[in-house]
Amino acid sequence: MNFRLKTTGEVAEILKELQSTTNLRPNLLSRIAISLSVLEESIPNYVESDLNGLDFNRATLTGDQDYFYKAIITQHFGKPLTEEEYFPDLFNAHLTRGIEILSNEYKYLGNYEKLLNYLVNISITQLGEV
């Protein structure tokens, strides 16, 4: 079982940019990114990490909610996942897609306050659909 994840260099750069503008730590930004990715219907493309990526410990990314993250990613995938399929491969794929979504929304909205309002509205909308 793998407990380490290495992002791509592009994801590392986006995380650094978002951290500097929002003051949110990369692990929190990553959790938001995962949540945004699973809202998309398609399965994200698998990614290859590179030497310029950030290295994360699984517990840093998922905290005490690892079971929750595995459950939502498994539900999104549509069939049971082995530990090896879930982490780091599919988790990293969702992280990569979600970070791109988060970055694009931040750029479109223009500031942290508007981004927070957007995220709250998405949460309210999604809870209303459950």
Protein backbone atom coordinates (compact mmCIF):
# COMPACT_ATOMS: atom_id res chain seq x y z
CA MET A 1 0.00 0.00 0.00
CA ASN A 2 1.37 3.38 -1.04
CA PHE A 3 1.13 6.31 1.38
CA ARG A 4 2.98 8.89 -0.76
CA LEU A 5 1.72 10.98 -3.66
CA LYS A 6 3.79 13.14 -5.97
CA THR A 7 2.00 15.78 -8.01
CA THR A 8 3.01 17.11 -11.39
CA GLY A 9 5.14 20.23 -11.56
CA GLU A 10 2.18 22.13 -12.99
CA VAL A 11 0.00 21.21 -10.01
CA ALA A 12 2.80 22.22 -7.66
CA GLU A 13 3.00 25.66 -9.30
CA ILE A 14 -0.77 26.16 -9.17
CA LEU A 15 -0.84 25.13 -5.50
CA LYS A 16 1.91 27.64 -4.71
CA GLU A 17 0.08 30.42 -6.57
CA LEU A 18 -3.23 29.67 -4.86
CA GLN A 19 -1.54 29.43 -1.48
CA SER A 20 0.04 32.84 -1.91
CA THR A 21 -3.25 34.48 -2.91
CA THR A 22 -5.62 32.67 -0.52
CA ASN A 23 -3.35 31.88 2.44
CA LEU A 24 -4.74 28.34 2.41
CA ARG A 25 -2.25 25.50 2.82
CA PRO A 26 -1.72 23.11 -0.11
CA ASN A 27 -3.40 20.21 1.71
CA LEU A 28 -6.59 22.27 2.20
CA LEU A 29 -6.53 23.44 -1.41
CA SER A 30 -6.09 19.81 -2.44
CA ARG A 31 -9.16 18.75 -0.45
CA ILE A 32 -11.22 21.45 -2.15
CA ALA A 33 -9.84 20.34 -5.51
CA ILE A 34 -10.86 16.72 -4.93
CA SER A 35 -14.37 17.89 -4.07
CA LEU A 36 -14.60 19.91 -7.28
CA SER A 37 -13.28 17.06 -9.40
CA VAL A 38 -15.85 14.52 -8.23
CA LEU A 39 -18.61 16.92 -9.28
CA GLU A 40 -17.59 16.28 -12.89
CA GLU A 41 -19.28 13.24 -14.45
CA SER A 42 -16.25 11.89 -16.29
CA ILE A 43 -13.38 9.92 -14.80
CA PRO A 44 -10.25 12.10 -14.75
CA ASN A 45 -7.24 11.19 -16.84
CA TYR A 46 -4.45 9.46 -14.98
CA VAL A 47 -1.35 11.60 -14.56
CA GLU A 48 2.35 10.95 -14.27
CA SER A 49 4.15 12.79 -11.50
CA ASP A 50 7.46 14.45 -12.25
CA LEU A 51 10.56 15.65 -10.44
CA ASN A 52 9.13 19.16 -10.01
CA GLY A 53 5.96 18.02 -8.23
CA LEU A 54 5.12 18.28 -4.56
CA ASP A 55 5.43 15.20 -2.41
CA PHE A 56 2.53 14.54 -0.02
CA ASN A 57 1.88 12.00 2.66
CA ARG A 58 -1.58 10.42 2.38
CA ALA A 59 -2.50 11.47 5.92
CA THR A 60 -1.58 15.09 5.13
CA LEU A 61 -4.02 15.12 2.22
CA THR A 62 -6.91 13.18 3.71
CA GLY A 63 -6.41 13.58 7.45
CA ASP A 64 -8.80 11.52 9.54
CA GLN A 65 -11.26 11.58 6.62
CA ASP A 66 -9.39 9.09 4.42
CA TYR A 67 -12.32 6.67 4.42
CA PHE A 68 -14.62 9.49 3.28
CA TYR A 69 -12.33 10.43 0.38
CA LYS A 70 -12.01 6.81 -0.70
CA ALA A 71 -15.80 6.43 -0.53
CA ILE A 72 -16.57 9.46 -2.71
CA ILE A 73 -13.88 8.60 -5.25
CA THR A 74 -15.10 4.99 -5.35
CA GLN A 75 -18.70 6.13 -5.80
CA HIS A 76 -17.62 8.46 -8.57
CA PHE A 77 -15.68 5.64 -10.26
CA GLY A 78 -18.77 3.43 -10.18
CA LYS A 79 -17.20 0.21 -8.95
CA PRO A 80 -15.07 -0.96 -6.02
CA LEU A 81 -11.47 0.18 -6.01
CA THR A 82 -8.44 -1.54 -4.57
CA GLU A 83 -6.15 0.53 -2.37
CA GLU A 84 -3.61 0.61 -5.18
CA GLU A 85 -6.17 1.93 -7.67
CA TYR A 86 -7.42 4.56 -5.22
CA PHE A 87 -4.15 5.98 -3.89
CA PRO A 88 -2.10 7.49 -5.35
CA ASP A 89 -3.28 6.99 -8.97
CA LEU A 90 -6.97 7.92 -9.01
CA PHE A 91 -6.59 10.34 -6.10
CA ASN A 92 -3.82 12.15 -8.00
CA ALA A 93 -5.95 12.22 -11.16
CA HIS A 94 -8.79 13.90 -9.23
CA LEU A 95 -6.34 16.24 -7.52
CA THR A 96 -4.87 17.33 -10.86
CA ARG A 97 -8.23 17.94 -12.49
CA GLY A 98 -9.64 19.64 -9.40
CA ILE A 99 -6.67 21.98 -9.02
CA GLU A 100 -7.12 23.08 -12.62
CA ILE A 101 -10.82 23.74 -11.97
CA LEU A 102 -10.06 25.63 -8.76
CA SER A 103 -7.36 27.72 -10.43
CA ASN A 104 -9.59 28.58 -13.38
CA GLU A 105 -12.44 29.60 -11.07
CA TYR A 106 -10.11 31.76 -9.00
CA LYS A 107 -8.80 33.49 -12.12
CA TYR A 108 -12.32 34.01 -13.46
CA LEU A 109 -13.73 35.32 -10.18
CA GLY A 110 -10.71 37.48 -9.42
CA ASN A 111 -10.35 37.25 -5.65
CA TYR A 112 -10.50 35.00 -2.61
CA GLU A 113 -13.82 36.32 -1.26
CA LYS A 114 -15.62 35.65 -4.54
CA LEU A 115 -14.04 32.20 -4.70
CA LEU A 116 -15.33 31.38 -1.21
CA ASN A 117 -18.83 32.54 -2.16
CA TYR A 118 -18.66 30.36 -5.27
CA LEU A 119 -17.59 27.31 -3.23
CA VAL A 120 -20.35 27.90 -0.66
CA ASN A 121 -22.94 28.17 -3.44
CA ILE A 122 -21.72 24.92 -5.01
CA SER A 123 -21.98 23.21 -1.60
CA ILE A 124 -25.52 24.48 -1.05
CA THR A 125 -26.55 23.41 -4.55
CA GLN A 126 -25.04 19.93 -4.13
CA LEU A 127 -26.62 19.42 -0.70
CA GLY A 128 -29.98 20.36 -2.18
CA GLU A 129 -29.59 17.59 -4.77
CA VAL A 130 -28.86 14.87 -2.22
